[in-house]
Amino acid sequence: MQPYDLDYHYSDDVFFKSFNSLFYKRFMLVSFHQVVSTADFISLHMSLIYATSKVFNDVTFAKMKKGVQIINVARRVVIDEDALVRDHDTGIIAQGSLDVCMSFTR
């Protein structure tokens, strides 16, 4: 990942404590609000609990930079899919990649 000269922001440090110190320096623990308001790409890897159900909704999307790209490999309901479509139509969300959609599981 270093050849791309990227910085990585995350809001949970459980997984990243296992990285070696050279690689770990590229990762910065920040608040959830900082992640969603500054990121160009957001990759979701979270468990589904009450607090994460539809945590990505119109309110969260409104805080994002225009043109953000979202990759969801977490549980499907962490994103409000109707809000995702609405905010894609307005240009806030440039691209959304979903592992599973609600309409596929009904």
PDB file of N, CA and C in Angstrom:
ATOM      1  N   MET A   1       0.803  -1.192   0.000  1.00  0.00           N
ATOM      2  CA  MET A   1       0.000   0.000   0.000  1.00  0.00           C
ATOM      3  C   MET A   1       0.852   1.264   0.000  1.00  0.00           C
ATOM      4  N   GLN A   2       2.045   1.202   0.449  1.00  0.00           N
ATOM      5  CA  GLN A   2       2.873   2.388   0.539  1.00  0.00           C
ATOM      6  C   GLN A   2       3.187   3.042  -0.801  1.00  0.00           C
ATOM      7  N   PRO A   3       3.314   2.317  -1.905  1.00  0.00           N
ATOM      8  CA  PRO A   3       3.619   2.986  -3.163  1.00  0.00           C
ATOM      9  C   PRO A   3       2.592   4.044  -3.565  1.00  0.00           C
ATOM     10  N   TYR A   4       1.387   3.945  -3.058  1.00  0.00           N
ATOM     11  CA  TYR A   4       0.357   4.910  -3.408  1.00  0.00           C
ATOM     12  C   TYR A   4       0.419   6.168  -2.554  1.00  0.00           C
ATOM     13  N   ASP A   5       1.285   6.192  -1.565  1.00  0.00           N
ATOM     14  CA  ASP A   5       1.465   7.345  -0.695  1.00  0.00           C
ATOM     15  C   ASP A   5       0.133   7.814  -0.110  1.00  0.00           C
ATOM     16  N   LEU A   6      -0.598   6.875   0.481  1.00  0.00           N
ATOM     17  CA  LEU A   6      -1.896   7.167   1.074  1.00  0.00           C
ATOM     18  C   LEU A   6      -1.794   7.179   2.589  1.00  0.00           C
ATOM     19  N   ASP A   7      -2.679   7.907   3.211  1.00  0.00           N
ATOM     20  CA  ASP A   7      -2.849   7.831   4.644  1.00  0.00           C
ATOM     21  C   ASP A   7      -4.171   7.135   4.902  1.00  0.00           C
ATOM     22  N   TYR A   8      -4.235   6.374   5.971  1.00  0.00           N
ATOM     23  CA  TYR A   8      -5.413   5.591   6.292  1.00  0.00           C
ATOM     24  C   TYR A   8      -5.973   6.058   7.619  1.00  0.00           C
ATOM     25  N   HIS A   9      -7.256   6.401   7.625  1.00  0.00           N
ATOM     26  CA  HIS A   9      -7.928   6.819   8.849  1.00  0.00           C
ATOM     27  C   HIS A   9      -8.916   5.731   9.227  1.00  0.00           C
ATOM     28  N   TYR A  10      -9.002   5.436  10.494  1.00  0.00           N
ATOM     29  CA  TYR A  10      -9.940   4.426  10.956  1.00  0.00           C
ATOM     30  C   TYR A  10     -10.515   4.855  12.289  1.00  0.00           C
ATOM     31  N   SER A  11     -11.678   4.306  12.624  1.00  0.00           N
ATOM     32  CA  SER A  11     -12.324   4.698  13.866  1.00  0.00           C
ATOM     33  C   SER A  11     -12.401   3.551  14.863  1.00  0.00           C
ATOM     34  N   ASP A  12     -11.674   2.483  14.599  1.00  0.00           N
ATOM     35  CA  ASP A  12     -11.603   1.366  15.547  1.00  0.00           C
ATOM     36  C   ASP A  12     -10.216   0.766  15.465  1.00  0.00           C
ATOM     37  N   ASP A  13      -9.576   0.551  16.601  1.00  0.00           N
ATOM     38  CA  ASP A  13      -8.189   0.102  16.576  1.00  0.00           C
ATOM     39  C   ASP A  13      -8.000  -1.363  16.907  1.00  0.00           C
ATOM     40  N   VAL A  14      -9.036  -2.153  16.988  1.00  0.00           N
ATOM     41  CA  VAL A  14      -8.901  -3.555  17.373  1.00  0.00           C
ATOM     42  C   VAL A  14      -8.042  -4.326  16.375  1.00  0.00           C
ATOM     43  N   PHE A  15      -8.358  -4.221  15.108  1.00  0.00           N
ATOM     44  CA  PHE A  15      -7.642  -4.981  14.082  1.00  0.00           C
ATOM     45  C   PHE A  15      -6.229  -4.466  13.852  1.00  0.00           C
ATOM     46  N   PHE A  16      -6.039  -3.168  13.836  1.00  0.00           N
ATOM     47  CA  PHE A  16      -4.788  -2.579  13.396  1.00  0.00           C
ATOM     48  C   PHE A  16      -3.659  -2.666  14.411  1.00  0.00           C
ATOM     49  N   LYS A  17      -3.920  -3.082  15.632  1.00  0.00           N
ATOM     50  CA  LYS A  17      -2.856  -3.227  16.613  1.00  0.00           C
ATOM     51  C   LYS A  17      -1.867  -4.319  16.212  1.00  0.00           C
ATOM     52  N   SER A  18      -2.251  -5.195  15.310  1.00  0.00           N
ATOM     53  CA  SER A  18      -1.369  -6.285  14.915  1.00  0.00           C
ATOM     54  C   SER A  18      -0.371  -5.902  13.818  1.00  0.00           C
ATOM     55  N   PHE A  19      -0.505  -4.731  13.204  1.00  0.00           N
ATOM     56  CA  PHE A  19       0.441  -4.316  12.173  1.00  0.00           C
ATOM     57  C   PHE A  19       1.797  -3.979  12.763  1.00  0.00           C
ATOM     58  N   ASN A  20       2.837  -4.185  11.981  1.00  0.00           N
ATOM     59  CA  ASN A  20       4.164  -3.783  12.460  1.00  0.00           C
ATOM     60  C   ASN A  20       4.265  -2.265  12.459  1.00  0.00           C
ATOM     61  N   SER A  21       5.215  -1.726  13.187  1.00  0.00           N
ATOM     62  CA  SER A  21       5.278  -0.284  13.418  1.00  0.00           C
ATOM     63  C   SER A  21       5.505   0.523  12.138  1.00  0.00           C
ATOM     64  N   LEU A  22       6.253   0.005  11.173  1.00  0.00           N
ATOM     65  CA  LEU A  22       6.490   0.750   9.939  1.00  0.00           C
ATOM     66  C   LEU A  22       5.183   0.925   9.169  1.00  0.00           C
ATOM     67  N   PHE A  23       4.428  -0.130   9.058  1.00  0.00           N
ATOM     68  CA  PHE A  23       3.167  -0.081   8.344  1.00  0.00           C
ATOM     69  C   PHE A  23       2.122   0.690   9.152  1.00  0.00           C
ATOM     70  N   TYR A  24       2.144   0.510  10.448  1.00  0.00           N
ATOM     71  CA  TYR A  24       1.144   1.107  11.331  1.00  0.00           C
ATOM     72  C   TYR A  24       1.202   2.631  11.322  1.00  0.00           C
ATOM     73  N   LYS A  25       2.366   3.217  11.066  1.00  0.00           N
ATOM     74  CA  LYS A  25       2.493   4.674  11.056  1.00  0.00           C
ATOM     75  C   LYS A  25       1.602   5.326  10.015  1.00  0.00           C
ATOM     76  N   ARG A  26       1.223   4.604   9.005  1.00  0.00           N
ATOM     77  CA  ARG A  26       0.379   5.153   7.951  1.00  0.00           C
ATOM     78  C   ARG A  26      -1.091   5.182   8.369  1.00  0.00           C
ATOM     79  N   PHE A  27      -1.410   4.575   9.502  1.00  0.00           N
ATOM     80  CA  PHE A  27      -2.786   4.505   9.987  1.00  0.00           C
ATOM     81  C   PHE A  27      -2.979   5.476  11.139  1.00  0.00           C
ATOM     82  N   MET A  28      -4.098   6.217  11.108  1.00  0.00           N
ATOM     83  CA  MET A  28      -4.386   7.185  12.162  1.00  0.00           C
ATOM     84  C   MET A  28      -5.772   6.913  12.736  1.00  0.00           C
ATOM     85  N   LEU A  29      -5.824   6.752  14.034  1.00  0.00           N
ATOM     86  CA  LEU A  29      -7.098   6.580  14.723  1.00  0.00           C
ATOM     87  C   LEU A  29      -7.769   7.943  14.851  1.00  0.00           C
ATOM     88  N   VAL A  30      -8.953   8.075  14.280  1.00  0.00           N
ATOM     89  CA  VAL A  30      -9.701   9.334  14.326  1.00  0.00           C
ATOM     90  C   VAL A  30     -11.153   9.010  14.669  1.00  0.00           C
ATOM     91  N   SER A  31     -11.935  10.035  14.891  1.00  0.00           N
ATOM     92  CA  SER A  31     -13.349   9.820  15.212  1.00  0.00           C
ATOM     93  C   SER A  31     -14.112   9.370  13.958  1.00  0.00           C
ATOM     94  N   PHE A  32     -15.255   8.759  14.187  1.00  0.00           N
ATOM     95  CA  PHE A  32     -16.123   8.348  13.095  1.00  0.00           C
ATOM     96  C   PHE A  32     -16.476   9.558  12.228  1.00  0.00           C
ATOM     97  N   HIS A  33     -16.792  10.680  12.870  1.00  0.00           N
ATOM     98  CA  HIS A  33     -17.127  11.906  12.133  1.00  0.00           C
ATOM     99  C   HIS A  33     -15.971  12.334  11.226  1.00  0.00           C
ATOM    100  N   GLN A  34     -14.740  12.258  11.708  1.00  0.00           N
ATOM    101  CA  GLN A  34     -13.581  12.626  10.885  1.00  0.00           C
ATOM    102  C   GLN A  34     -13.436  11.698   9.696  1.00  0.00           C
ATOM    103  N   VAL A  35     -13.662  10.412   9.910  1.00  0.00           N
ATOM    104  CA  VAL A  35     -13.556   9.462   8.803  1.00  0.00           C
ATOM    105  C   VAL A  35     -14.554   9.807   7.710  1.00  0.00           C
ATOM    106  N   VAL A  36     -15.819   9.955   8.077  1.00  0.00           N
ATOM    107  CA  VAL A  36     -16.837  10.178   7.041  1.00  0.00           C
ATOM    108  C   VAL A  36     -16.746  11.561   6.402  1.00  0.00           C
ATOM    109  N   SER A  37     -16.203  12.533   7.101  1.00  0.00           N
ATOM    110  CA  SER A  37     -16.158  13.883   6.531  1.00  0.00           C
ATOM    111  C   SER A  37     -14.893  14.171   5.726  1.00  0.00           C
ATOM    112  N   THR A  38     -13.872  13.324   5.822  1.00  0.00           N
ATOM    113  CA  THR A  38     -12.617  13.602   5.116  1.00  0.00           C
ATOM    114  C   THR A  38     -12.223  12.556   4.081  1.00  0.00           C
ATOM    115  N   ALA A  39     -12.835  11.402   4.119  1.00  0.00           N
ATOM    116  CA  ALA A  39     -12.384  10.293   3.265  1.00  0.00           C
ATOM    117  C   ALA A  39     -12.833  10.440   1.813  1.00  0.00           C
ATOM    118  N   ASP A  40     -11.971   9.990   0.913  1.00  0.00           N
ATOM    119  CA  ASP A  40     -12.326   9.864  -0.499  1.00  0.00           C
ATOM    120  C   ASP A  40     -12.901   8.477  -0.771  1.00  0.00           C
ATOM    121  N   PHE A  41     -12.410   7.491  -0.021  1.00  0.00           N
ATOM    122  CA  PHE A  41     -12.871   6.102  -0.102  1.00  0.00           C
ATOM    123  C   PHE A  41     -13.218   5.645   1.303  1.00  0.00           C
ATOM    124  N   ILE A  42     -14.333   4.959   1.455  1.00  0.00           N
ATOM    125  CA  ILE A  42     -14.712   4.390   2.742  1.00  0.00           C
ATOM    126  C   ILE A  42     -14.979   2.914   2.526  1.00  0.00           C
ATOM    127  N   SER A  43     -14.269   2.091   3.271  1.00  0.00           N
ATOM    128  CA  SER A  43     -14.453   0.651   3.212  1.00  0.00           C
ATOM    129  C   SER A  43     -15.008   0.202   4.563  1.00  0.00           C
ATOM    130  N   LEU A  44     -16.175  -0.440   4.538  1.00  0.00           N
ATOM    131  CA  LEU A  44     -16.864  -0.810   5.772  1.00  0.00           C
ATOM    132  C   LEU A  44     -16.587  -2.260   6.141  1.00  0.00           C
ATOM    133  N   HIS A  45     -16.122  -2.441   7.362  1.00  0.00           N
ATOM    134  CA  HIS A  45     -15.836  -3.771   7.912  1.00  0.00           C
ATOM    135  C   HIS A  45     -16.291  -3.732   9.367  1.00  0.00           C
ATOM    136  N   MET A  46     -17.578  -3.885   9.600  1.00  0.00           N
ATOM    137  CA  MET A  46     -18.100  -3.758  10.962  1.00  0.00           C
ATOM    138  C   MET A  46     -19.144  -4.822  11.232  1.00  0.00           C
ATOM    139  N   SER A  47     -19.288  -5.135  12.493  1.00  0.00           N
ATOM    140  CA  SER A  47     -20.317  -6.076  12.916  1.00  0.00           C
ATOM    141  C   SER A  47     -21.670  -5.380  12.929  1.00  0.00           C
ATOM    142  N   LEU A  48     -22.695  -6.156  12.781  1.00  0.00           N
ATOM    143  CA  LEU A  48     -24.038  -5.606  12.871  1.00  0.00           C
ATOM    144  C   LEU A  48     -24.505  -5.679  14.319  1.00  0.00           C
ATOM    145  N   ILE A  49     -24.615  -4.516  14.921  1.00  0.00           N
ATOM    146  CA  ILE A  49     -25.198  -4.373  16.252  1.00  0.00           C
ATOM    147  C   ILE A  49     -26.211  -3.241  16.165  1.00  0.00           C
ATOM    148  N   TYR A  50     -26.943  -3.010  17.222  1.00  0.00           N
ATOM    149  CA  TYR A  50     -27.966  -1.959  17.188  1.00  0.00           C
ATOM    150  C   TYR A  50     -27.383  -0.620  16.751  1.00  0.00           C
ATOM    151  N   ALA A  51     -26.202  -0.271  17.258  1.00  0.00           N
ATOM    152  CA  ALA A  51     -25.589   1.034  16.959  1.00  0.00           C
ATOM    153  C   ALA A  51     -25.128   1.165  15.514  1.00  0.00           C
ATOM    154  N   THR A  52     -24.902   0.059  14.814  1.00  0.00           N
ATOM    155  CA  THR A  52     -24.418   0.142  13.434  1.00  0.00           C
ATOM    156  C   THR A  52     -25.521  -0.086  12.398  1.00  0.00           C
ATOM    157  N   SER A  53     -26.726  -0.410  12.826  1.00  0.00           N
ATOM    158  CA  SER A  53     -27.824  -0.619  11.899  1.00  0.00           C
ATOM    159  C   SER A  53     -28.153   0.701  11.192  1.00  0.00           C
ATOM    160  N   LYS A  54     -27.989   0.718   9.888  1.00  0.00           N
ATOM    161  CA  LYS A  54     -28.217   1.901   9.044  1.00  0.00           C
ATOM    162  C   LYS A  54     -27.450   3.125   9.536  1.00  0.00           C
ATOM    163  N   VAL A  55     -26.236   2.899  10.044  1.00  0.00           N
ATOM    164  CA  VAL A  55     -25.405   4.014  10.502  1.00  0.00           C
ATOM    165  C   VAL A  55     -25.014   4.919   9.331  1.00  0.00           C
ATOM    166  N   PHE A  56     -24.991   4.351   8.132  1.00  0.00           N
ATOM    167  CA  PHE A  56     -24.760   5.154   6.933  1.00  0.00           C
ATOM    168  C   PHE A  56     -26.131   5.454   6.329  1.00  0.00           C
ATOM    169  N   ASN A  57     -26.588   6.690   6.560  1.00  0.00           N
ATOM    170  CA  ASN A  57     -27.920   7.119   6.161  1.00  0.00           C
ATOM    171  C   ASN A  57     -27.820   8.542   5.607  1.00  0.00           C
ATOM    172  N   ASP A  58     -28.944   9.191   5.364  1.00  0.00           N
ATOM    173  CA  ASP A  58     -28.925  10.542   4.795  1.00  0.00           C
ATOM    174  C   ASP A  58     -28.109  11.522   5.648  1.00  0.00           C
ATOM    175  N   VAL A  59     -28.210  11.404   6.961  1.00  0.00           N
ATOM    176  CA  VAL A  59     -27.476  12.312   7.860  1.00  0.00           C
ATOM    177  C   VAL A  59     -25.968  12.095   7.712  1.00  0.00           C
ATOM    178  N   THR A  60     -25.540  10.839   7.708  1.00  0.00           N
ATOM    179  CA  THR A  60     -24.116  10.529   7.558  1.00  0.00           C
ATOM    180  C   THR A  60     -23.621  10.921   6.175  1.00  0.00           C
ATOM    181  N   PHE A  61     -24.384  10.601   5.147  1.00  0.00           N
ATOM    182  CA  PHE A  61     -23.972  10.947   3.785  1.00  0.00           C
ATOM    183  C   PHE A  61     -23.836  12.452   3.600  1.00  0.00           C
ATOM    184  N   ALA A  62     -24.681  13.234   4.256  1.00  0.00           N
ATOM    185  CA  ALA A  62     -24.618  14.690   4.133  1.00  0.00           C
ATOM    186  C   ALA A  62     -23.305  15.253   4.686  1.00  0.00           C
ATOM    187  N   LYS A  63     -22.647  14.534   5.563  1.00  0.00           N
ATOM    188  CA  LYS A  63     -21.372  14.977   6.145  1.00  0.00           C
ATOM    189  C   LYS A  63     -20.175  14.642   5.248  1.00  0.00           C
ATOM    190  N   MET A  64     -20.387  13.833   4.224  1.00  0.00           N
ATOM    191  CA  MET A  64     -19.293  13.345   3.386  1.00  0.00           C
ATOM    192  C   MET A  64     -18.891  14.342   2.309  1.00  0.00           C
ATOM    193  N   LYS A  65     -17.645  14.183   1.861  1.00  0.00           N
ATOM    194  CA  LYS A  65     -17.164  14.954   0.721  1.00  0.00           C
ATOM    195  C   LYS A  65     -17.925  14.504  -0.516  1.00  0.00           C
ATOM    196  N   LYS A  66     -18.176  15.438  -1.403  1.00  0.00           N
ATOM    197  CA  LYS A  66     -18.842  15.082  -2.652  1.00  0.00           C
ATOM    198  C   LYS A  66     -17.927  14.173  -3.472  1.00  0.00           C
ATOM    199  N   GLY A  67     -18.490  13.081  -3.975  1.00  0.00           N
ATOM    200  CA  GLY A  67     -17.736  12.159  -4.806  1.00  0.00           C
ATOM    201  C   GLY A  67     -17.091  11.004  -4.065  1.00  0.00           C
ATOM    202  N   VAL A  68     -17.469  10.791  -2.815  1.00  0.00           N
ATOM    203  CA  VAL A  68     -16.897   9.698  -2.031  1.00  0.00           C
ATOM    204  C   VAL A  68     -17.296   8.353  -2.639  1.00  0.00           C
ATOM    205  N   GLN A  69     -16.430   7.365  -2.446  1.00  0.00           N
ATOM    206  CA  GLN A  69     -16.706   6.010  -2.909  1.00  0.00           C
ATOM    207  C   GLN A  69     -16.775   5.095  -1.694  1.00  0.00           C
ATOM    208  N   ILE A  70     -17.803   4.254  -1.649  1.00  0.00           N
ATOM    209  CA  ILE A  70     -18.045   3.395  -0.495  1.00  0.00           C
ATOM    210  C   ILE A  70     -18.004   1.939  -0.918  1.00  0.00           C
ATOM    211  N   ILE A  71     -17.276   1.148  -0.145  1.00  0.00           N
ATOM    212  CA  ILE A  71     -17.231  -0.301  -0.334  1.00  0.00           C
ATOM    213  C   ILE A  71     -17.768  -0.920   0.944  1.00  0.00           C
ATOM    214  N   ASN A  72     -18.853  -1.669   0.847  1.00  0.00           N
ATOM    215  CA  ASN A  72     -19.446  -2.301   2.013  1.00  0.00           C
ATOM    216  C   ASN A  72     -19.254  -3.807   1.953  1.00  0.00           C
ATOM    217  N   VAL A  73     -18.359  -4.321   2.767  1.00  0.00           N
ATOM    218  CA  VAL A  73     -18.199  -5.771   2.906  1.00  0.00           C
ATOM    219  C   VAL A  73     -18.652  -6.199   4.298  1.00  0.00           C
ATOM    220  N   ALA A  74     -19.352  -5.286   4.978  1.00  0.00           N
ATOM    221  CA  ALA A  74     -19.923  -5.582   6.289  1.00  0.00           C
ATOM    222  C   ALA A  74     -21.335  -6.130   6.087  1.00  0.00           C
ATOM    223  N   ARG A  75     -22.064  -6.222   7.138  1.00  0.00           N
ATOM    224  CA  ARG A  75     -23.463  -6.652   7.038  1.00  0.00           C
ATOM    225  C   ARG A  75     -24.238  -5.638   6.216  1.00  0.00           C
ATOM    226  N   ARG A  76     -25.197  -6.116   5.479  1.00  0.00           N
ATOM    227  CA  ARG A  76     -25.895  -5.269   4.518  1.00  0.00           C
ATOM    228  C   ARG A  76     -26.626  -4.103   5.144  1.00  0.00           C
ATOM    229  N   VAL A  77     -27.153  -4.243   6.332  1.00  0.00           N
ATOM    230  CA  VAL A  77     -27.999  -3.179   6.871  1.00  0.00           C
ATOM    231  C   VAL A  77     -27.226  -2.077   7.588  1.00  0.00           C
ATOM    232  N   VAL A  78     -25.914  -2.027   7.450  1.00  0.00           N
ATOM    233  CA  VAL A  78     -25.194  -0.872   8.000  1.00  0.00           C
ATOM    234  C   VAL A  78     -25.376   0.341   7.093  1.00  0.00           C
ATOM    235  N   ILE A  79     -25.837   0.110   5.869  1.00  0.00           N
ATOM    236  CA  ILE A  79     -26.132   1.196   4.927  1.00  0.00           C
ATOM    237  C   ILE A  79     -27.621   1.213   4.646  1.00  0.00           C
ATOM    238  N   ASP A  80     -28.211   2.384   4.742  1.00  0.00           N
ATOM    239  CA  ASP A  80     -29.595   2.584   4.319  1.00  0.00           C
ATOM    240  C   ASP A  80     -29.550   2.680   2.793  1.00  0.00           C
ATOM    241  N   GLU A  81     -29.979   1.622   2.122  1.00  0.00           N
ATOM    242  CA  GLU A  81     -29.850   1.558   0.667  1.00  0.00           C
ATOM    243  C   GLU A  81     -30.661   2.633  -0.050  1.00  0.00           C
ATOM    244  N   ASP A  82     -31.818   2.989   0.474  1.00  0.00           N
ATOM    245  CA  ASP A  82     -32.615   4.058  -0.146  1.00  0.00           C
ATOM    246  C   ASP A  82     -31.858   5.384  -0.069  1.00  0.00           C
ATOM    247  N   ALA A  83     -31.223   5.642   1.071  1.00  0.00           N
ATOM    248  CA  ALA A  83     -30.425   6.864   1.227  1.00  0.00           C
ATOM    249  C   ALA A  83     -29.214   6.834   0.298  1.00  0.00           C
ATOM    250  N   LEU A  84     -28.613   5.667   0.140  1.00  0.00           N
ATOM    251  CA  LEU A  84     -27.467   5.526  -0.760  1.00  0.00           C
ATOM    252  C   LEU A  84     -27.848   5.911  -2.181  1.00  0.00           C
ATOM    253  N   VAL A  85     -28.990   5.432  -2.641  1.00  0.00           N
ATOM    254  CA  VAL A  85     -29.454   5.747  -3.990  1.00  0.00           C
ATOM    255  C   VAL A  85     -29.743   7.247  -4.110  1.00  0.00           C
ATOM    256  N   ARG A  86     -30.436   7.817  -3.131  1.00  0.00           N
ATOM    257  CA  ARG A  86     -30.743   9.254  -3.165  1.00  0.00           C
ATOM    258  C   ARG A  86     -29.464  10.084  -3.220  1.00  0.00           C
ATOM    259  N   ASP A  87     -28.500   9.745  -2.367  1.00  0.00           N
ATOM    260  CA  ASP A  87     -27.277  10.539  -2.311  1.00  0.00           C
ATOM    261  C   ASP A  87     -26.347  10.260  -3.486  1.00  0.00           C
ATOM    262  N   HIS A  88     -26.486   9.117  -4.124  1.00  0.00           N
ATOM    263  CA  HIS A  88     -25.763   8.871  -5.372  1.00  0.00           C
ATOM    264  C   HIS A  88     -26.321   9.784  -6.456  1.00  0.00           C
ATOM    265  N   ASP A  89     -27.647   9.912  -6.488  1.00  0.00           N
ATOM    266  CA  ASP A  89     -28.286  10.765  -7.495  1.00  0.00           C
ATOM    267  C   ASP A  89     -27.893  12.234  -7.337  1.00  0.00           C
ATOM    268  N   THR A  90     -27.574  12.675  -6.120  1.00  0.00           N
ATOM    269  CA  THR A  90     -27.173  14.071  -5.903  1.00  0.00           C
ATOM    270  C   THR A  90     -25.674  14.285  -6.093  1.00  0.00           C
ATOM    271  N   GLY A  91     -24.914  13.197  -6.248  1.00  0.00           N
ATOM    272  CA  GLY A  91     -23.480  13.323  -6.477  1.00  0.00           C
ATOM    273  C   GLY A  91     -22.613  13.217  -5.239  1.00  0.00           C
ATOM    274  N   ILE A  92     -23.225  13.093  -4.071  1.00  0.00           N
ATOM    275  CA  ILE A  92     -22.411  12.915  -2.859  1.00  0.00           C
ATOM    276  C   ILE A  92     -21.665  11.593  -2.941  1.00  0.00           C
ATOM    277  N   ILE A  93     -22.378  10.548  -3.297  1.00  0.00           N
ATOM    278  CA  ILE A  93     -21.772   9.223  -3.447  1.00  0.00           C
ATOM    279  C   ILE A  93     -21.466   9.012  -4.924  1.00  0.00           C
ATOM    280  N   ALA A  94     -20.177   8.873  -5.253  1.00  0.00           N
ATOM    281  CA  ALA A  94     -19.804   8.633  -6.651  1.00  0.00           C
ATOM    282  C   ALA A  94     -20.035   7.176  -7.023  1.00  0.00           C
ATOM    283  N   GLN A  95     -19.642   6.285  -6.113  1.00  0.00           N
ATOM    284  CA  GLN A  95     -19.804   4.855  -6.367  1.00  0.00           C
ATOM    285  C   GLN A  95     -20.068   4.144  -5.052  1.00  0.00           C
ATOM    286  N   GLY A  96     -20.883   3.120  -5.130  1.00  0.00           N
ATOM    287  CA  GLY A  96     -21.135   2.274  -3.973  1.00  0.00           C
ATOM    288  C   GLY A  96     -21.016   0.822  -4.377  1.00  0.00           C
ATOM    289  N   SER A  97     -20.180   0.087  -3.686  1.00  0.00           N
ATOM    290  CA  SER A  97     -20.017  -1.344  -3.956  1.00  0.00           C
ATOM    291  C   SER A  97     -20.528  -2.098  -2.737  1.00  0.00           C
ATOM    292  N   LEU A  98     -21.548  -2.932  -2.961  1.00  0.00           N
ATOM    293  CA  LEU A  98     -22.187  -3.641  -1.863  1.00  0.00           C
ATOM    294  C   LEU A  98     -22.004  -5.133  -2.038  1.00  0.00           C
ATOM    295  N   ASP A  99     -21.612  -5.801  -0.963  1.00  0.00           N
ATOM    296  CA  ASP A  99     -21.448  -7.243  -0.982  1.00  0.00           C
ATOM    297  C   ASP A  99     -22.808  -7.923  -1.076  1.00  0.00           C
ATOM    298  N   VAL A 100     -23.767  -7.418  -0.336  1.00  0.00           N
ATOM    299  CA  VAL A 100     -25.120  -7.972  -0.322  1.00  0.00           C
ATOM    300  C   VAL A 100     -26.106  -6.804  -0.285  1.00  0.00           C
ATOM    301  N   CYS A 101     -27.187  -6.925  -1.047  1.00  0.00           N
ATOM    302  CA  CYS A 101     -28.241  -5.897  -1.032  1.00  0.00           C
ATOM    303  C   CYS A 101     -29.491  -6.480  -0.410  1.00  0.00           C
ATOM    304  N   MET A 102     -30.285  -5.624   0.232  1.00  0.00           N
ATOM    305  CA  MET A 102     -31.526  -6.075   0.845  1.00  0.00           C
ATOM    306  C   MET A 102     -32.447  -6.725  -0.177  1.00  0.00           C
ATOM    307  N   SER A 103     -32.531  -6.169  -1.372  1.00  0.00           N
ATOM    308  CA  SER A 103     -33.461  -6.712  -2.374  1.00  0.00           C
ATOM    309  C   SER A 103     -33.086  -8.117  -2.802  1.00  0.00           C
ATOM    310  N   PHE A 104     -31.829  -8.511  -2.648  1.00  0.00           N
ATOM    311  CA  PHE A 104     -31.406  -9.861  -3.025  1.00  0.00           C
ATOM    312  C   PHE A 104     -31.782 -10.898  -1.971  1.00  0.00           C
ATOM    313  N   THR A 105     -32.081 -10.448  -0.760  1.00  0.00           N
ATOM    314  CA  THR A 105     -32.301 -11.404   0.325  1.00  0.00           C
ATOM    315  C   THR A 105     -33.758 -11.534   0.717  1.00  0.00           C
ATOM    316  N   ARG A 106     -34.630 -10.843   0.073  1.00  0.00           N
ATOM    317  CA  ARG A 106     -36.062 -10.905   0.412  1.00  0.00           C
ATOM    318  C   ARG A 106     -36.712 -12.106  -0.188  1.00  0.00           C
TER     319      ARG A 106
END
